[in-house]
Amino acid sequence: MREQFQSLIEEHETTTEEFKSANEEVLSANEELQSTNEELETAKEELQSSNEELTTLNEELQNRNVELTAVNNDLLNLLGNVTVPVVIVDLELRIRRFTPPAQKLLNLLPGDVGRRLNEIRPNLSVDDLGQFAREAIDSVNVQEREVREKESGAWYQMWARPYKTWDNKIDGAVLSFENIDALKREIEYLIRYGDALIDNTRGALLILDADLRVVSANQVFCRTFQVTRRETEKLTLYELGDGQWNIPRLRDLLEKVLPNNGRVEDYEVRHSFPHLGERTMMLNAHRIEPQPGKRMILLSIENVT
């Protein structure tokens, strides 16, 4: 019985030690659970904060979506109701949008969105439409050219402008076409009318551009100074007749006096002209502006020898 009792005591002590060890493990596990609980509480707070941020972001995205929808509707209505042919292309010259008037002029269909500009066959007398748009993208400058419609022969002013994003980056080009047929015909009529008036004027007349290059010379001038229009037009005044008009007093008139006054009357010049000899010429000149920004000079020459 003593041995059994001693054995029971040892077993009890062993069990007690095991219970102590288990209790320590339980206490350690409890501490870990408490730490985990604290971490979960922190994570819960972080999740709540993230949820609030996501809710705010979702509201902002919804507001932005509403704004983008409104802007897209405005853009669609603008492109749908504008009367000017407009085509928008990306950097690869692929068509992104176009207005209804551009469909007939450039022979476009709704399915052409995404096609390259060089792949379409416009109803215009232009073969390098893609290169024209590329020049505007590469140079970041406005390009312009006059083109004609193949069927009607109507004149259009073709523009290519760089497409800029909100952060001022180039992301393509915008092509627009302005019908200038009426203006073109009116200008041609005025030119013919002006040429008729100039040719029937008794005095010698020259029309010079801003670079003093001869735009037109009437018959009296050609007959008086024994030159042809082919030998006169598109040359600078000082190149005419082997430099016979390279006269210092005439230079003063055109380069100094006229720009300041805009008009000069009865300006006398004496000079020895080939085939004519010594002559005294009375010059009258004034600036004209047939088109905005295009200045020209009307020069009349009268022999008062």
Protein backbone atom coordinates (compact mmCIF):
# COMPACT_ATOMS: atom_id res chain seq x y z
CA MET A 1 0.00 0.00 0.00
CA ARG A 2 2.91 2.29 0.73
CA GLU A 3 4.36 1.58 -2.68
CA GLN A 4 0.97 2.14 -4.30
CA PHE A 5 0.51 5.33 -2.28
CA GLN A 6 3.96 6.51 -3.25
CA SER A 7 3.18 5.71 -6.88
CA LEU A 8 -0.09 7.66 -6.63
CA ILE A 9 1.74 10.60 -5.13
CA GLU A 10 4.25 10.56 -8.00
CA GLU A 11 1.47 10.27 -10.53
CA HIS A 12 -0.34 13.13 -8.80
CA GLU A 13 2.79 15.26 -8.88
CA THR A 14 3.30 14.40 -12.56
CA THR A 15 -0.32 15.23 -13.30
CA THR A 16 0.01 18.46 -11.33
CA GLU A 17 3.08 19.44 -13.37
CA GLU A 18 1.23 18.57 -16.55
CA PHE A 19 -1.70 20.67 -15.40
CA LYS A 20 0.65 23.55 -14.63
CA SER A 21 2.27 23.21 -18.05
CA ALA A 22 -1.14 23.06 -19.69
CA ASN A 23 -2.26 26.07 -17.67
CA GLU A 24 0.78 28.01 -18.83
CA GLU A 25 0.04 27.01 -22.41
CA VAL A 26 -3.57 28.10 -21.96
CA LEU A 27 -2.43 31.41 -20.50
CA SER A 28 -0.01 31.88 -23.41
CA ALA A 29 -2.74 30.99 -25.87
CA ASN A 30 -5.06 33.42 -24.11
CA GLU A 31 -2.48 36.18 -24.46
CA GLU A 32 -2.06 35.31 -28.14
CA LEU A 33 -5.82 35.35 -28.56
CA GLN A 34 -5.98 38.74 -26.87
CA SER A 35 -3.22 40.02 -29.14
CA THR A 36 -5.01 38.55 -32.15
CA ASN A 37 -8.23 40.15 -30.98
CA GLU A 38 -6.51 43.51 -30.72
CA GLU A 39 -5.07 43.04 -34.21
CA LEU A 40 -8.52 42.12 -35.50
CA GLU A 41 -9.96 45.22 -33.85
CA THR A 42 -7.26 47.32 -35.54
CA ALA A 43 -7.92 45.58 -38.87
CA LYS A 44 -11.62 46.16 -38.37
CA GLU A 45 -11.00 49.87 -37.86
CA GLU A 46 -8.74 49.95 -40.93
CA LEU A 47 -11.40 48.13 -42.95
CA GLN A 48 -14.02 50.59 -41.77
CA SER A 49 -11.74 53.47 -42.77
CA SER A 50 -11.02 51.84 -46.14
CA ASN A 51 -14.73 51.23 -46.61
CA GLU A 52 -15.44 54.90 -45.95
CA GLU A 53 -12.71 55.91 -48.44
CA LEU A 54 -14.10 53.48 -51.02
CA THR A 55 -17.57 54.88 -50.45
CA THR A 56 -16.26 58.42 -50.98
CA LEU A 57 -14.30 57.30 -54.06
CA ASN A 58 -17.37 55.53 -55.42
CA GLU A 59 -19.42 58.70 -55.00
CA GLU A 60 -16.71 60.71 -56.78
CA LEU A 61 -16.60 58.14 -59.60
CA GLN A 62 -20.37 58.26 -59.91
CA ASN A 63 -20.27 62.07 -60.07
CA ARG A 64 -17.44 61.91 -62.62
CA ASN A 65 -19.41 59.35 -64.64
CA VAL A 66 -22.41 61.69 -64.65
CA GLU A 67 -20.17 64.57 -65.79
CA LEU A 68 -18.55 62.43 -68.50
CA THR A 69 -21.96 61.30 -69.69
CA ALA A 70 -23.11 64.92 -69.89
CA VAL A 71 -19.91 65.95 -71.73
CA ASN A 72 -20.26 63.01 -74.13
CA ASN A 73 -23.88 63.95 -74.81
CA ASP A 74 -22.83 67.56 -75.43
CA LEU A 75 -20.07 66.40 -77.78
CA LEU A 76 -22.43 64.10 -79.69
CA ASN A 77 -25.01 66.85 -80.03
CA LEU A 78 -22.34 69.35 -81.07
CA LEU A 79 -20.85 67.07 -83.71
CA GLY A 80 -24.31 66.01 -84.84
CA ASN A 81 -25.59 69.54 -85.39
CA VAL A 82 -22.50 71.38 -86.60
CA THR A 83 -22.66 72.28 -90.29
CA VAL A 84 -18.91 72.20 -90.88
CA PRO A 85 -17.22 68.97 -92.06
CA VAL A 86 -14.89 67.91 -89.23
CA VAL A 87 -12.83 64.74 -88.81
CA ILE A 88 -10.83 63.82 -85.69
CA VAL A 89 -7.94 61.33 -86.02
CA ASP A 90 -5.49 59.87 -83.50
CA LEU A 91 -1.69 59.74 -83.69
CA GLU A 92 -1.89 56.73 -86.01
CA LEU A 93 -4.21 58.74 -88.30
CA ARG A 94 -7.14 56.45 -87.42
CA ILE A 95 -10.55 58.12 -87.61
CA ARG A 96 -12.09 58.68 -84.17
CA ARG A 97 -15.08 60.93 -84.87
CA PHE A 98 -16.57 62.91 -87.74
CA THR A 99 -19.52 65.21 -88.29
CA PRO A 100 -22.43 64.36 -90.62
CA PRO A 101 -21.35 66.92 -93.28
CA ALA A 102 -18.00 65.13 -93.46
CA GLN A 103 -19.70 61.89 -94.55
CA LYS A 104 -20.56 63.17 -98.02
CA LEU A 105 -17.48 65.30 -98.52
CA LEU A 106 -15.00 62.59 -97.49
CA ASN A 107 -17.16 59.61 -98.53
CA LEU A 108 -17.35 58.21 -94.98
CA LEU A 109 -19.61 55.64 -93.33
CA PRO A 110 -20.21 54.99 -89.60
CA GLY A 111 -18.17 51.81 -89.95
CA ASP A 112 -15.13 53.82 -91.07
CA VAL A 113 -14.36 54.77 -87.45
CA GLY A 114 -11.00 53.14 -86.74
CA ARG A 115 -9.82 53.17 -90.36
CA ARG A 116 -6.70 55.04 -91.37
CA LEU A 117 -7.13 58.36 -93.10
CA ASN A 118 -5.08 57.13 -96.07
CA GLU A 119 -7.50 54.24 -96.64
CA ILE A 120 -10.53 56.40 -97.46
CA ARG A 121 -11.35 57.87 -100.88
CA PRO A 122 -12.63 61.42 -100.32
CA ASN A 123 -14.71 63.30 -102.86
CA LEU A 124 -11.94 65.90 -103.00
CA SER A 125 -9.06 66.53 -105.36
CA VAL A 126 -6.47 65.60 -102.73
CA ASP A 127 -4.26 62.52 -102.69
CA ASP A 128 -2.20 63.10 -99.53
CA LEU A 129 -4.86 63.67 -96.88
CA GLY A 130 -2.96 61.53 -94.37
CA GLN A 131 0.32 63.34 -95.01
CA PHE A 132 -1.50 66.65 -94.63
CA ALA A 133 -2.72 65.63 -91.16
CA ARG A 134 0.71 64.19 -90.27
CA GLU A 135 2.38 67.55 -91.00
CA ALA A 136 0.07 69.25 -88.51
CA ILE A 137 0.92 66.63 -85.85
CA ASP A 138 4.68 66.68 -86.42
CA SER A 139 5.03 70.46 -86.74
CA VAL A 140 2.41 71.28 -84.05
CA ASN A 141 1.23 74.04 -86.39
CA VAL A 142 -1.92 74.72 -88.33
CA GLN A 143 -1.80 73.55 -91.95
CA GLU A 144 -4.12 74.93 -94.64
CA ARG A 145 -4.75 74.30 -98.31
CA GLU A 146 -7.38 75.03 -100.93
CA VAL A 147 -9.01 71.92 -102.44
CA ARG A 148 -11.91 71.28 -104.82
CA GLU A 149 -14.79 68.86 -104.68
CA LYS A 150 -14.62 66.37 -107.52
CA GLU A 151 -18.28 66.36 -108.54
CA SER A 152 -19.35 69.99 -108.22
CA GLY A 153 -15.93 71.64 -108.45
CA ALA A 154 -16.71 73.71 -105.33
CA TRP A 155 -13.73 75.18 -103.51
CA TYR A 156 -12.99 74.34 -99.85
CA GLN A 157 -10.40 75.67 -97.43
CA MET A 158 -8.92 72.61 -95.74
CA TRP A 159 -7.44 73.02 -92.24
CA ALA A 160 -5.46 70.58 -90.11
CA ARG A 161 -4.86 71.47 -86.47
CA PRO A 162 -3.06 69.45 -83.77
CA TYR A 163 -5.41 67.67 -81.34
CA LYS A 164 -4.32 68.63 -77.82
CA THR A 165 -5.31 66.91 -74.57
CA TRP A 166 -6.11 68.70 -71.31
CA ASP A 167 -2.42 68.45 -70.27
CA ASN A 168 -1.30 69.98 -73.60
CA LYS A 169 -0.10 66.73 -75.19
CA ILE A 170 -0.55 66.06 -78.91
CA ASP A 171 -2.89 63.12 -79.44
CA GLY A 172 -3.87 63.41 -83.10
CA ALA A 173 -5.25 66.01 -85.47
CA VAL A 174 -8.52 67.76 -86.30
CA LEU A 175 -9.38 68.30 -89.96
CA SER A 176 -12.02 70.85 -90.92
CA PHE A 177 -13.31 72.09 -94.26
CA GLU A 178 -14.79 75.52 -94.99
CA ASN A 179 -16.78 76.14 -98.16
CA ILE A 180 -15.15 79.14 -99.85
CA ASP A 181 -16.64 78.57 -103.29
CA ALA A 182 -18.72 81.77 -103.27
CA LEU A 183 -15.77 83.81 -102.00
CA LYS A 184 -13.45 82.20 -104.53
CA ARG A 185 -15.77 82.96 -107.42
CA GLU A 186 -16.24 86.52 -106.21
CA ILE A 187 -12.49 87.01 -105.97
CA GLU A 188 -12.03 85.59 -109.48
CA TYR A 189 -14.72 87.94 -110.73
CA LEU A 190 -13.09 90.90 -109.00
CA ILE A 191 -9.70 89.90 -110.43
CA ARG A 192 -11.10 89.74 -113.95
CA TYR A 193 -12.94 93.01 -113.37
CA GLY A 194 -9.79 94.61 -111.96
CA ASP A 195 -7.66 93.28 -114.82
CA ALA A 196 -10.14 94.76 -117.30
CA LEU A 197 -10.02 98.13 -115.54
CA ILE A 198 -6.24 98.08 -115.38
CA ASP A 199 -5.86 97.12 -119.04
CA ASN A 200 -8.18 99.92 -120.11
CA THR A 201 -6.44 102.57 -118.03
CA ARG A 202 -4.52 105.10 -120.08
CA GLY A 203 -1.57 105.20 -117.66
CA ALA A 204 0.98 102.52 -116.83
CA LEU A 205 -0.02 100.53 -113.75
CA LEU A 206 1.68 97.92 -111.61
CA ILE A 207 0.24 95.90 -108.73
CA LEU A 208 2.92 94.76 -106.27
CA ASP A 209 2.66 92.42 -103.30
CA ALA A 210 4.16 93.08 -99.87
CA ASP A 211 7.58 91.86 -101.12
CA LEU A 212 7.44 94.28 -104.08
CA ARG A 213 6.90 91.39 -106.46
CA VAL A 214 4.82 92.22 -109.55
CA VAL A 215 1.38 90.65 -109.35
CA SER A 216 -0.02 92.35 -112.44
CA ALA A 217 1.10 94.82 -115.11
CA ASN A 218 -1.26 96.46 -117.57
CA GLN A 219 -0.78 96.67 -121.33
CA VAL A 220 0.23 100.34 -121.22
CA PHE A 221 3.18 99.51 -118.95
CA CYS A 222 4.30 96.64 -121.18
CA ARG A 223 3.95 98.75 -124.32
CA THR A 224 5.67 101.83 -122.85
CA PHE A 225 8.68 100.00 -121.47
CA GLN A 226 8.79 97.37 -124.24
CA VAL A 227 8.37 94.27 -122.07
CA THR A 228 5.91 91.39 -121.96
CA ARG A 229 3.80 90.29 -119.05
CA ARG A 230 5.76 87.05 -118.86
CA GLU A 231 8.95 89.07 -118.45
CA THR A 232 7.32 91.22 -115.76
CA GLU A 233 4.92 89.33 -113.53
CA LYS A 234 6.21 87.29 -110.55
CA LEU A 235 9.48 89.25 -110.59
CA THR A 236 10.44 91.88 -108.04
CA LEU A 237 10.23 95.44 -109.26
CA TYR A 238 14.00 95.84 -109.04
CA GLU A 239 14.58 92.81 -111.31
CA LEU A 240 12.57 94.20 -114.24
CA GLY A 241 14.40 95.09 -117.42
CA ASP A 242 17.88 94.14 -116.18
CA GLY A 243 17.45 96.31 -113.08
CA GLN A 244 16.23 99.46 -114.84
CA TRP A 245 13.76 100.09 -111.99
CA ASN A 246 16.40 99.76 -109.30
CA ILE A 247 16.27 103.51 -108.72
CA PRO A 248 17.32 104.95 -105.33
CA ARG A 249 14.44 107.48 -105.23
CA LEU A 250 11.95 104.72 -106.10
CA ARG A 251 13.37 102.59 -103.30
CA ASP A 252 12.87 105.48 -100.89
CA LEU A 253 9.29 105.80 -102.07
CA LEU A 254 8.35 102.14 -101.69
CA GLU A 255 10.44 101.18 -98.66
CA LYS A 256 10.37 104.33 -96.52
CA VAL A 257 7.73 106.86 -97.54
CA LEU A 258 4.83 104.55 -98.51
CA PRO A 259 4.91 102.28 -95.40
CA ASN A 260 4.63 105.33 -93.15
CA ASN A 261 2.07 107.36 -95.12
CA GLY A 262 0.09 104.64 -96.89
CA ARG A 263 -0.29 106.86 -99.95
CA VAL A 264 2.10 108.94 -102.10
CA GLU A 265 0.99 111.35 -104.83
CA ASP A 266 2.96 113.05 -107.62
CA TYR A 267 6.37 111.67 -106.69
CA GLU A 268 8.80 112.73 -109.44
CA VAL A 269 11.60 110.42 -110.57
CA ARG A 270 14.16 111.08 -113.32
CA HIS A 271 16.00 108.15 -114.80
CA SER A 272 17.64 106.95 -118.01
CA PHE A 273 15.70 103.94 -119.30
CA PRO A 274 17.00 101.55 -121.97
CA HIS A 275 15.33 102.08 -125.36
CA LEU A 276 13.70 105.26 -123.98
CA GLY A 277 16.54 107.48 -122.83
CA GLU A 278 16.24 110.13 -120.12
CA ARG A 279 12.68 110.29 -118.80
CA THR A 280 10.84 112.08 -116.00
CA MET A 281 8.18 109.90 -114.40
CA MET A 282 5.42 110.99 -112.04
CA LEU A 283 4.63 108.19 -109.59
CA ASN A 284 1.48 107.72 -107.52
CA ALA A 285 1.23 104.84 -105.09
CA HIS A 286 -1.02 103.69 -102.30
CA ARG A 287 -1.46 100.56 -100.27
CA ILE A 288 -4.49 98.34 -100.73
CA GLU A 289 -5.71 95.32 -98.76
CA PRO A 290 -7.92 93.10 -100.97
CA GLN A 291 -8.02 90.45 -98.23
CA PRO A 292 -7.49 90.76 -94.47
CA GLY A 293 -3.78 90.57 -93.76
CA LYS A 294 -2.81 90.63 -97.46
CA ARG A 295 -1.32 94.00 -98.33
CA MET A 296 -0.53 95.13 -101.86
CA ILE A 297 0.66 98.29 -103.60
CA LEU A 298 -0.97 99.98 -106.58
CA LEU A 299 1.69 101.92 -108.48
CA SER A 300 0.79 104.22 -111.36
CA ILE A 301 3.51 105.66 -113.62
CA GLU A 302 2.99 108.71 -115.83
CA ASN A 303 5.55 109.99 -118.33
CA VAL A 304 5.83 113.77 -117.80
CA THR A 305 9.12 114.31 -119.63
